[in-house]
C-alpha atoms as a PDB file:
ATOM      1  CA  UNK A   1      25.932 -36.115 -31.776  1.00  0.00           C
ATOM      2  CA  UNK A   2      23.346 -38.649 -30.616  1.00  0.00           C
ATOM      3  CA  UNK A   3      25.661 -39.681 -27.747  1.00  0.00           C
ATOM      4  CA  UNK A   4      26.038 -36.070 -26.639  1.00  0.00           C
ATOM      5  CA  UNK A   5      22.286 -35.493 -26.792  1.00  0.00           C
ATOM      6  CA  UNK A   6      21.665 -38.713 -24.849  1.00  0.00           C
ATOM      7  CA  UNK A   7      24.244 -37.743 -22.192  1.00  0.00           C
ATOM      8  CA  UNK A   8      22.749 -34.265 -21.808  1.00  0.00           C
ATOM      9  CA  UNK A   9      19.279 -35.792 -21.484  1.00  0.00           C
ATOM     10  CA  UNK A  10      20.470 -38.117 -18.717  1.00  0.00           C
ATOM     11  CA  UNK A  11      22.169 -35.252 -16.850  1.00  0.00           C
ATOM     12  CA  UNK A  12      19.059 -33.072 -17.168  1.00  0.00           C
ATOM     13  CA  UNK A  13      16.878 -35.913 -15.940  1.00  0.00           C
ATOM     14  CA  UNK A  14      19.192 -36.503 -12.964  1.00  0.00           C
ATOM     15  CA  UNK A  15      19.093 -32.824 -11.960  1.00  0.00           C
ATOM     16  CA  UNK A  16      15.335 -32.694 -12.385  1.00  0.00           C
ATOM     17  CA  UNK A  17      14.865 -35.786 -10.229  1.00  0.00           C
ATOM     18  CA  UNK A  18      17.066 -34.431  -7.431  1.00  0.00           C
ATOM     19  CA  UNK A  19      15.496 -30.990  -7.463  1.00  0.00           C
ATOM     20  CA  UNK A  20      12.013 -32.515  -7.245  1.00  0.00           C
ATOM     21  CA  UNK A  21      12.808 -35.035  -4.549  1.00  0.00           C
ATOM     22  CA  UNK A  22      10.528 -34.924  -1.546  1.00  0.00           C
ATOM     23  CA  UNK A  23      12.471 -33.332   1.287  1.00  0.00           C
ATOM     24  CA  UNK A  24       9.316 -32.655   3.272  1.00  0.00           C
ATOM     25  CA  UNK A  25       9.676 -34.021   6.808  1.00  0.00           C
ATOM     26  CA  UNK A  26       5.965 -33.759   7.631  1.00  0.00           C
ATOM     27  CA  UNK A  27       4.405 -36.968   8.874  1.00  0.00           C
ATOM     28  CA  UNK A  28       0.655 -37.578   8.935  1.00  0.00           C
ATOM     29  CA  UNK A  29      -0.619 -38.470  12.392  1.00  0.00           C
ATOM     30  CA  UNK A  30      -4.023 -39.051  13.949  1.00  0.00           C
ATOM     31  CA  UNK A  31      -5.952 -36.274  15.668  1.00  0.00           C
ATOM     32  CA  UNK A  32      -5.779 -38.279  18.894  1.00  0.00           C
ATOM     33  CA  UNK A  33      -1.957 -38.113  18.741  1.00  0.00           C
ATOM     34  CA  UNK A  34      -2.019 -34.337  19.211  1.00  0.00           C
ATOM     35  CA  UNK A  35      -1.210 -33.001  22.684  1.00  0.00           C
ATOM     36  CA  UNK A  36      -4.324 -32.568  24.850  1.00  0.00           C
ATOM     37  CA  UNK A  37      -3.951 -28.765  24.822  1.00  0.00           C
ATOM     38  CA  UNK A  38      -4.117 -28.722  21.005  1.00  0.00           C
ATOM     39  CA  UNK A  39      -7.219 -30.904  20.919  1.00  0.00           C
ATOM     40  CA  UNK A  40      -8.895 -28.709  23.543  1.00  0.00           C
ATOM     41  CA  UNK A  41      -8.124 -25.587  21.469  1.00  0.00           C
ATOM     42  CA  UNK A  42      -9.649 -27.144  18.334  1.00  0.00           C
ATOM     43  CA  UNK A  43     -12.730 -28.447  20.156  1.00  0.00           C
ATOM     44  CA  UNK A  44     -13.285 -25.127  21.963  1.00  0.00           C
ATOM     45  CA  UNK A  45     -12.871 -22.745  19.037  1.00  0.00           C
ATOM     46  CA  UNK A  46     -14.029 -24.966  16.163  1.00  0.00           C
ATOM     47  CA  UNK A  47     -16.840 -27.083  17.647  1.00  0.00           C
ATOM     48  CA  UNK A  48     -18.380 -29.507  15.195  1.00  0.00           C
ATOM     49  CA  UNK A  49     -15.712 -28.866  12.540  1.00  0.00           C
ATOM     50  CA  UNK A  50     -14.036 -31.967  11.121  1.00  0.00           C
ATOM     51  CA  UNK A  51     -10.270 -32.290  11.274  1.00  0.00           C
ATOM     52  CA  UNK A  52      -9.189 -33.095   7.726  1.00  0.00           C
ATOM     53  CA  UNK A  53      -5.460 -33.685   8.270  1.00  0.00           C
ATOM     54  CA  UNK A  54      -2.843 -33.496  11.023  1.00  0.00           C
ATOM     55  CA  UNK A  55       0.850 -33.294  10.169  1.00  0.00           C
ATOM     56  CA  UNK A  56       3.792 -33.424  12.534  1.00  0.00           C
ATOM     57  CA  UNK A  57       7.271 -32.174  11.779  1.00  0.00           C
ATOM     58  CA  UNK A  58      10.360 -31.638  13.916  1.00  0.00           C
ATOM     59  CA  UNK A  59       9.004 -28.775  15.997  1.00  0.00           C
ATOM     60  CA  UNK A  60       5.287 -28.392  15.342  1.00  0.00           C
ATOM     61  CA  UNK A  61       1.904 -29.791  14.410  1.00  0.00           C
ATOM     62  CA  UNK A  62      -0.187 -28.470  11.507  1.00  0.00           C
ATOM     63  CA  UNK A  63      -3.925 -29.110  11.731  1.00  0.00           C
ATOM     64  CA  UNK A  64      -6.102 -28.626   8.631  1.00  0.00           C
ATOM     65  CA  UNK A  65      -9.832 -28.282   9.213  1.00  0.00           C
ATOM     66  CA  UNK A  66     -12.691 -29.038   6.826  1.00  0.00           C
ATOM     67  CA  UNK A  67     -13.839 -25.392   6.899  1.00  0.00           C
ATOM     68  CA  UNK A  68     -10.528 -24.208   5.399  1.00  0.00           C
ATOM     69  CA  UNK A  69      -8.857 -23.057   8.602  1.00  0.00           C
ATOM     70  CA  UNK A  70      -5.324 -24.130   9.521  1.00  0.00           C
ATOM     71  CA  UNK A  71      -3.987 -24.097  13.077  1.00  0.00           C
ATOM     72  CA  UNK A  72      -0.319 -24.648  13.917  1.00  0.00           C
ATOM     73  CA  UNK A  73       0.841 -25.767  17.344  1.00  0.00           C
ATOM     74  CA  UNK A  74       4.252 -26.126  18.964  1.00  0.00           C
ATOM     75  CA  UNK A  75       5.386 -29.489  20.327  1.00  0.00           C
ATOM     76  CA  UNK A  76       3.820 -28.731  23.720  1.00  0.00           C
ATOM     77  CA  UNK A  77       0.437 -28.182  22.069  1.00  0.00           C
ATOM     78  CA  UNK A  78       0.324 -24.376  22.365  1.00  0.00           C
ATOM     79  CA  UNK A  79      -1.087 -22.614  19.297  1.00  0.00           C
ATOM     80  CA  UNK A  80       1.405 -20.665  17.172  1.00  0.00           C
ATOM     81  CA  UNK A  81      -0.705 -19.615  14.202  1.00  0.00           C
ATOM     82  CA  UNK A  82      -4.368 -19.556  13.249  1.00  0.00           C
ATOM     83  CA  UNK A  83      -5.022 -18.989   9.544  1.00  0.00           C
ATOM     84  CA  UNK A  84      -8.597 -18.577   8.340  1.00  0.00           C
ATOM     85  CA  UNK A  85      -7.567 -18.522   4.679  1.00  0.00           C
ATOM     86  CA  UNK A  86      -9.384 -15.203   4.143  1.00  0.00           C
ATOM     87  CA  UNK A  87     -12.203 -16.111   6.545  1.00  0.00           C
ATOM     88  CA  UNK A  88     -12.797 -14.174   9.752  1.00  0.00           C
ATOM     89  CA  UNK A  89     -11.273 -15.845  12.805  1.00  0.00           C
ATOM     90  CA  UNK A  90     -13.713 -17.155  15.426  1.00  0.00           C
ATOM     91  CA  UNK A  91     -14.758 -14.604  18.065  1.00  0.00           C
ATOM     92  CA  UNK A  92     -13.817 -17.095  20.789  1.00  0.00           C
ATOM     93  CA  UNK A  93     -10.150 -16.928  19.718  1.00  0.00           C
ATOM     94  CA  UNK A  94     -10.205 -13.138  19.514  1.00  0.00           C
ATOM     95  CA  UNK A  95     -11.681 -13.006  23.033  1.00  0.00           C
ATOM     96  CA  UNK A  96      -8.573 -14.640  24.504  1.00  0.00           C
ATOM     97  CA  UNK A  97      -6.316 -12.271  26.429  1.00  0.00           C
ATOM     98  CA  UNK A  98      -4.426 -10.294  25.062  1.00  0.00           C
ATOM     99  CA  UNK A  99      -6.053 -10.942  21.683  1.00  0.00           C
ATOM    100  CA  UNK A 100      -9.128  -9.155  22.986  1.00  0.00           C
ATOM    101  CA  UNK A 101      -7.042  -5.953  23.050  1.00  0.00           C
ATOM    102  CA  UNK A 102      -5.791  -6.660  19.511  1.00  0.00           C
ATOM    103  CA  UNK A 103      -9.330  -7.304  18.287  1.00  0.00           C
ATOM    104  CA  UNK A 104     -10.637  -4.116  19.894  1.00  0.00           C
ATOM    105  CA  UNK A 105      -7.840  -2.097  18.238  1.00  0.00           C
ATOM    106  CA  UNK A 106      -8.696  -3.558  14.821  1.00  0.00           C
ATOM    107  CA  UNK A 107     -12.444  -2.936  15.263  1.00  0.00           C
ATOM    108  CA  UNK A 108     -11.813   0.673  16.303  1.00  0.00           C
ATOM    109  CA  UNK A 109      -9.084   1.548  13.799  1.00  0.00           C
ATOM    110  CA  UNK A 110     -10.249  -0.534  10.826  1.00  0.00           C
ATOM    111  CA  UNK A 111     -14.017  -0.897  11.353  1.00  0.00           C
ATOM    112  CA  UNK A 112     -14.712  -2.359   7.915  1.00  0.00           C
ATOM    113  CA  UNK A 113     -11.934  -4.960   8.200  1.00  0.00           C
ATOM    114  CA  UNK A 114     -11.592  -8.190  10.145  1.00  0.00           C
ATOM    115  CA  UNK A 115      -8.795 -10.499  11.277  1.00  0.00           C
ATOM    116  CA  UNK A 116      -8.098 -13.505   9.036  1.00  0.00           C
ATOM    117  CA  UNK A 117      -4.810 -14.704  10.551  1.00  0.00           C
ATOM    118  CA  UNK A 118      -2.860 -14.396  13.791  1.00  0.00           C
ATOM    119  CA  UNK A 119       0.728 -15.512  14.124  1.00  0.00           C
ATOM    120  CA  UNK A 120       2.763 -15.590  17.319  1.00  0.00           C
ATOM    121  CA  UNK A 121       5.942 -14.160  15.848  1.00  0.00           C
ATOM    122  CA  UNK A 122       8.970 -14.678  18.071  1.00  0.00           C
ATOM    123  CA  UNK A 123      11.254 -12.844  15.645  1.00  0.00           C
ATOM    124  CA  UNK A 124       9.075  -9.751  15.878  1.00  0.00           C
ATOM    125  CA  UNK A 125       8.517 -10.411  19.574  1.00  0.00           C
ATOM    126  CA  UNK A 126       4.749 -10.231  19.385  1.00  0.00           C
ATOM    127  CA  UNK A 127       1.687 -11.005  17.306  1.00  0.00           C
ATOM    128  CA  UNK A 128       1.459 -10.511  13.560  1.00  0.00           C
ATOM    129  CA  UNK A 129      -2.157 -10.012  12.555  1.00  0.00           C
ATOM    130  CA  UNK A 130      -3.397 -10.114   8.964  1.00  0.00           C
ATOM    131  CA  UNK A 131      -6.626  -8.368   8.011  1.00  0.00           C
ATOM    132  CA  UNK A 132      -8.946  -9.302   5.151  1.00  0.00           C
ATOM    133  CA  UNK A 133      -7.449  -6.458   3.069  1.00  0.00           C
ATOM    134  CA  UNK A 134      -4.002  -8.136   3.520  1.00  0.00           C
ATOM    135  CA  UNK A 135      -2.774  -5.372   5.837  1.00  0.00           C
ATOM    136  CA  UNK A 136      -0.386  -6.850   8.410  1.00  0.00           C
ATOM    137  CA  UNK A 137      -0.233  -5.330  11.875  1.00  0.00           C
ATOM    138  CA  UNK A 138       2.342  -6.047  14.586  1.00  0.00           C
ATOM    139  CA  UNK A 139       1.381  -6.056  18.263  1.00  0.00           C
ATOM    140  CA  UNK A 140       3.406  -6.483  21.455  1.00  0.00           C
ATOM    141  CA  UNK A 141       2.820  -9.643  23.496  1.00  0.00           C
ATOM    142  CA  UNK A 142       0.544  -7.575  25.785  1.00  0.00           C
ATOM    143  CA  UNK A 143      -1.680  -6.565  22.834  1.00  0.00           C
ATOM    144  CA  UNK A 144      -0.346  -3.021  22.368  1.00  0.00           C
ATOM    145  CA  UNK A 145      -0.165  -1.940  18.722  1.00  0.00           C
ATOM    146  CA  UNK A 146       3.412  -1.512  17.500  1.00  0.00           C
ATOM    147  CA  UNK A 147       3.472  -0.953  13.731  1.00  0.00           C
ATOM    148  CA  UNK A 148       2.185  -1.845  10.301  1.00  0.00           C
ATOM    149  CA  UNK A 149       4.304  -4.510   8.602  1.00  0.00           C
ATOM    150  CA  UNK A 150       5.083  -3.266   5.109  1.00  0.00           C
END
């Protein structure tokens, strides 16, 4: 009985170890290693904010800022996602075309809400915008409202 219990313990431990193994391909890199376009985006829209961490994986860069924001970039340095973690996104980002159209739609249609995340969503062929009430809106690439994402 002790042998069986020991064998089962070893098997359980082996499965636990393999299921918890670190398969994360993210690699920490320096801020200076980001493409110039990414650095310019951060410095323009988050002036004076400290970059806490930069991670690189196979197809993107994830930048974590000291104010709680996260910005994801593709390998060319173009932003893919800006997540304010429930904080309102900077007006300078929302002033970019066609995000200015998106922002105007949100202000008109949902005047008591604000944008906390924008994702360039290639699968939905447009922008996915999350409001502070967790409502997700889908917009065409040109900024035209398409639908609510339920």
